[in-house]
Amino acid sequence: MLEPDLAAPKDACQPSRELLIAWLLLLLARRAGHGYDLHRQLEAHAVCAESGAMYRALRKLECDGCAESSWAKSVAGPRRRLYRITQRGREELEELVGAITLKRDVHAAFLHAHGSALR
């Protein structure tokens, strides 16, 4: 029999790569942002993404044509890379929303079946 792990794993709130990309596209669809700002917004939504994973995802979005970036002057400190969503990124976001919705529905069906089985 499997022993339940009572302590939540350290990476319990770490999103999958697909979900991290979806979150970044959603945040960029709302407004352009630089890395530090995007990371803070992820944390505000309880998404615990490591900064390295986030920057790799942003680079992938750029390579795939879903985001673009440019250097922007900062009021204080060094210039920052400002990320913006592209039309391709908006289309990808909608595709990801469909995939995430399907997964949610499958998970909900499982939980419902599990609850019914225990009654």
C-alpha atoms as a PDB file:
ATOM      1  CA  MET A   1       0.000   0.000   0.000  1.00  0.00           C
ATOM      2  CA  LEU A   2       1.219   3.507  -0.767  1.00  0.00           C
ATOM      3  CA  GLU A   3       2.101   5.687   2.188  1.00  0.00           C
ATOM      4  CA  PRO A   4       0.545   9.136   1.873  1.00  0.00           C
ATOM      5  CA  ASP A   5       2.984  12.008   2.122  1.00  0.00           C
ATOM      6  CA  LEU A   6       1.402  14.316   4.653  1.00  0.00           C
ATOM      7  CA  ALA A   7       3.725  17.190   3.855  1.00  0.00           C
ATOM      8  CA  ALA A   8       3.012  18.997   0.607  1.00  0.00           C
ATOM      9  CA  PRO A   9       5.885  18.653  -1.848  1.00  0.00           C
ATOM     10  CA  LYS A  10       8.141  21.675  -2.176  1.00  0.00           C
ATOM     11  CA  ASP A  11       7.081  22.155  -5.772  1.00  0.00           C
ATOM     12  CA  ALA A  12       3.340  21.704  -5.134  1.00  0.00           C
ATOM     13  CA  CYS A  13       2.536  25.153  -6.524  1.00  0.00           C
ATOM     14  CA  GLN A  14       5.054  24.918  -9.387  1.00  0.00           C
ATOM     15  CA  PRO A  15       3.074  25.041 -12.620  1.00  0.00           C
ATOM     16  CA  SER A  16       3.720  22.712 -15.517  1.00  0.00           C
ATOM     17  CA  ARG A  17       5.536  24.312 -18.439  1.00  0.00           C
ATOM     18  CA  GLU A  18       2.258  24.501 -20.368  1.00  0.00           C
ATOM     19  CA  LEU A  19       0.466  26.224 -17.485  1.00  0.00           C
ATOM     20  CA  LEU A  20       3.357  28.646 -16.905  1.00  0.00           C
ATOM     21  CA  ILE A  21       3.244  29.628 -20.578  1.00  0.00           C
ATOM     22  CA  ALA A  22      -0.532  30.081 -20.364  1.00  0.00           C
ATOM     23  CA  TRP A  23      -0.147  32.314 -17.294  1.00  0.00           C
ATOM     24  CA  LEU A  24       2.546  34.411 -18.980  1.00  0.00           C
ATOM     25  CA  LEU A  25       0.405  34.852 -22.090  1.00  0.00           C
ATOM     26  CA  LEU A  26      -2.575  35.833 -19.948  1.00  0.00           C
ATOM     27  CA  LEU A  27      -0.536  38.406 -18.027  1.00  0.00           C
ATOM     28  CA  LEU A  28       0.940  39.800 -21.248  1.00  0.00           C
ATOM     29  CA  ALA A  29      -2.539  39.965 -22.812  1.00  0.00           C
ATOM     30  CA  ARG A  30      -3.506  42.280 -19.958  1.00  0.00           C
ATOM     31  CA  ARG A  31      -0.439  44.501 -20.326  1.00  0.00           C
ATOM     32  CA  ALA A  32       3.202  44.443 -21.341  1.00  0.00           C
ATOM     33  CA  GLY A  33       5.633  43.718 -18.542  1.00  0.00           C
ATOM     34  CA  HIS A  34       9.241  43.097 -17.637  1.00  0.00           C
ATOM     35  CA  GLY A  35      10.498  39.913 -16.014  1.00  0.00           C
ATOM     36  CA  TYR A  36      10.478  41.064 -12.388  1.00  0.00           C
ATOM     37  CA  ASP A  37       6.970  42.484 -12.766  1.00  0.00           C
ATOM     38  CA  LEU A  38       5.699  39.290 -14.408  1.00  0.00           C
ATOM     39  CA  HIS A  39       7.250  37.185 -11.636  1.00  0.00           C
ATOM     40  CA  ARG A  40       5.523  39.303  -8.969  1.00  0.00           C
ATOM     41  CA  GLN A  41       2.202  38.950 -10.797  1.00  0.00           C
ATOM     42  CA  LEU A  42       2.611  35.168 -10.944  1.00  0.00           C
ATOM     43  CA  GLU A  43       3.276  35.085  -7.204  1.00  0.00           C
ATOM     44  CA  ALA A  44       0.176  37.232  -6.596  1.00  0.00           C
ATOM     45  CA  HIS A  45      -1.824  34.433  -8.253  1.00  0.00           C
ATOM     46  CA  ALA A  46      -0.099  31.770  -6.093  1.00  0.00           C
ATOM     47  CA  VAL A  47       1.929  30.516  -9.067  1.00  0.00           C
ATOM     48  CA  CYS A  48       5.347  29.579  -7.646  1.00  0.00           C
ATOM     49  CA  ALA A  49       7.484  29.652 -10.766  1.00  0.00           C
ATOM     50  CA  GLU A  50      11.245  29.743 -10.407  1.00  0.00           C
ATOM     51  CA  SER A  51      12.623  32.808 -12.144  1.00  0.00           C
ATOM     52  CA  GLY A  52      14.845  30.657 -14.377  1.00  0.00           C
ATOM     53  CA  ALA A  53      11.850  28.644 -15.574  1.00  0.00           C
ATOM     54  CA  MET A  54       9.921  31.846 -16.187  1.00  0.00           C
ATOM     55  CA  TYR A  55      12.700  33.401 -18.289  1.00  0.00           C
ATOM     56  CA  ARG A  56      13.091  30.158 -20.283  1.00  0.00           C
ATOM     57  CA  ALA A  57       9.341  30.226 -20.955  1.00  0.00           C
ATOM     58  CA  LEU A  58       9.543  33.872 -22.057  1.00  0.00           C
ATOM     59  CA  ARG A  59      12.389  33.004 -24.442  1.00  0.00           C
ATOM     60  CA  LYS A  60      10.320  30.125 -25.844  1.00  0.00           C
ATOM     61  CA  LEU A  61       7.376  32.469 -26.356  1.00  0.00           C
ATOM     62  CA  GLU A  62       9.655  34.833 -28.280  1.00  0.00           C
ATOM     63  CA  CYS A  63      11.135  32.025 -30.398  1.00  0.00           C
ATOM     64  CA  ASP A  64       7.635  30.755 -31.199  1.00  0.00           C
ATOM     65  CA  GLY A  65       6.457  34.243 -32.206  1.00  0.00           C
ATOM     66  CA  CYS A  66       3.988  34.468 -29.312  1.00  0.00           C
ATOM     67  CA  ALA A  67       5.759  37.372 -27.612  1.00  0.00           C
ATOM     68  CA  GLU A  68       8.231  40.067 -28.523  1.00  0.00           C
ATOM     69  CA  SER A  69      10.514  42.138 -26.376  1.00  0.00           C
ATOM     70  CA  SER A  70      12.415  45.375 -26.445  1.00  0.00           C
ATOM     71  CA  TRP A  71      14.700  47.198 -24.058  1.00  0.00           C
ATOM     72  CA  ALA A  72      13.065  49.981 -22.075  1.00  0.00           C
ATOM     73  CA  LYS A  73      14.640  52.675 -19.947  1.00  0.00           C
ATOM     74  CA  SER A  74      14.116  52.370 -16.230  1.00  0.00           C
ATOM     75  CA  VAL A  75      13.475  55.306 -13.908  1.00  0.00           C
ATOM     76  CA  ALA A  76      16.040  53.867 -11.521  1.00  0.00           C
ATOM     77  CA  GLY A  77      18.577  51.214 -12.385  1.00  0.00           C
ATOM     78  CA  PRO A  78      19.461  49.394 -15.584  1.00  0.00           C
ATOM     79  CA  ARG A  79      17.291  49.058 -18.661  1.00  0.00           C
ATOM     80  CA  ARG A  80      14.680  46.331 -18.565  1.00  0.00           C
ATOM     81  CA  ARG A  81      13.457  43.961 -21.223  1.00  0.00           C
ATOM     82  CA  LEU A  82       9.769  44.668 -21.809  1.00  0.00           C
ATOM     83  CA  TYR A  83       7.678  41.761 -23.113  1.00  0.00           C
ATOM     84  CA  ARG A  84       4.518  42.124 -25.219  1.00  0.00           C
ATOM     85  CA  ILE A  85       2.099  39.535 -26.541  1.00  0.00           C
ATOM     86  CA  THR A  86       1.707  39.148 -30.313  1.00  0.00           C
ATOM     87  CA  GLN A  87      -1.350  38.121 -32.311  1.00  0.00           C
ATOM     88  CA  ARG A  88       0.114  34.614 -32.506  1.00  0.00           C
ATOM     89  CA  GLY A  89       0.406  34.719 -28.699  1.00  0.00           C
ATOM     90  CA  ARG A  90      -3.261  35.645 -28.349  1.00  0.00           C
ATOM     91  CA  GLU A  91      -4.195  32.711 -30.579  1.00  0.00           C
ATOM     92  CA  GLU A  92      -1.957  30.374 -28.568  1.00  0.00           C
ATOM     93  CA  LEU A  93      -3.544  31.613 -25.330  1.00  0.00           C
ATOM     94  CA  GLU A  94      -7.000  30.681 -26.628  1.00  0.00           C
ATOM     95  CA  GLU A  95      -5.742  27.214 -27.629  1.00  0.00           C
ATOM     96  CA  LEU A  96      -4.247  26.744 -24.163  1.00  0.00           C
ATOM     97  CA  VAL A  97      -7.483  27.858 -22.500  1.00  0.00           C
ATOM     98  CA  GLY A  98      -9.286  25.116 -24.425  1.00  0.00           C
ATOM     99  CA  ALA A  99      -6.739  22.483 -23.368  1.00  0.00           C
ATOM    100  CA  ILE A 100      -6.790  23.611 -19.728  1.00  0.00           C
ATOM    101  CA  THR A 101     -10.599  23.616 -19.697  1.00  0.00           C
ATOM    102  CA  LEU A 102     -10.648  20.049 -21.021  1.00  0.00           C
ATOM    103  CA  LYS A 103      -8.173  18.927 -18.334  1.00  0.00           C
ATOM    104  CA  ARG A 104     -10.243  20.665 -15.662  1.00  0.00           C
ATOM    105  CA  ASP A 105     -13.372  18.869 -16.851  1.00  0.00           C
ATOM    106  CA  VAL A 106     -11.605  15.490 -16.840  1.00  0.00           C
ATOM    107  CA  HIS A 107     -10.313  16.126 -13.308  1.00  0.00           C
ATOM    108  CA  ALA A 108     -13.760  17.243 -12.148  1.00  0.00           C
ATOM    109  CA  ALA A 109     -15.324  14.080 -13.600  1.00  0.00           C
ATOM    110  CA  PHE A 110     -12.773  11.960 -11.737  1.00  0.00           C
ATOM    111  CA  LEU A 111     -13.401  13.753  -8.438  1.00  0.00           C
ATOM    112  CA  HIS A 112     -17.149  13.423  -8.902  1.00  0.00           C
ATOM    113  CA  ALA A 113     -16.828   9.695  -9.664  1.00  0.00           C
ATOM    114  CA  HIS A 114     -14.545   9.249  -6.668  1.00  0.00           C
ATOM    115  CA  GLY A 115     -17.000  11.020  -4.382  1.00  0.00           C
ATOM    116  CA  SER A 116     -19.889   8.930  -5.714  1.00  0.00           C
ATOM    117  CA  ALA A 117     -17.951   5.694  -5.258  1.00  0.00           C
ATOM    118  CA  LEU A 118     -17.389   6.418  -1.574  1.00  0.00           C
ATOM    119  CA  ARG A 119     -21.040   7.072  -0.714  1.00  0.00           C
END
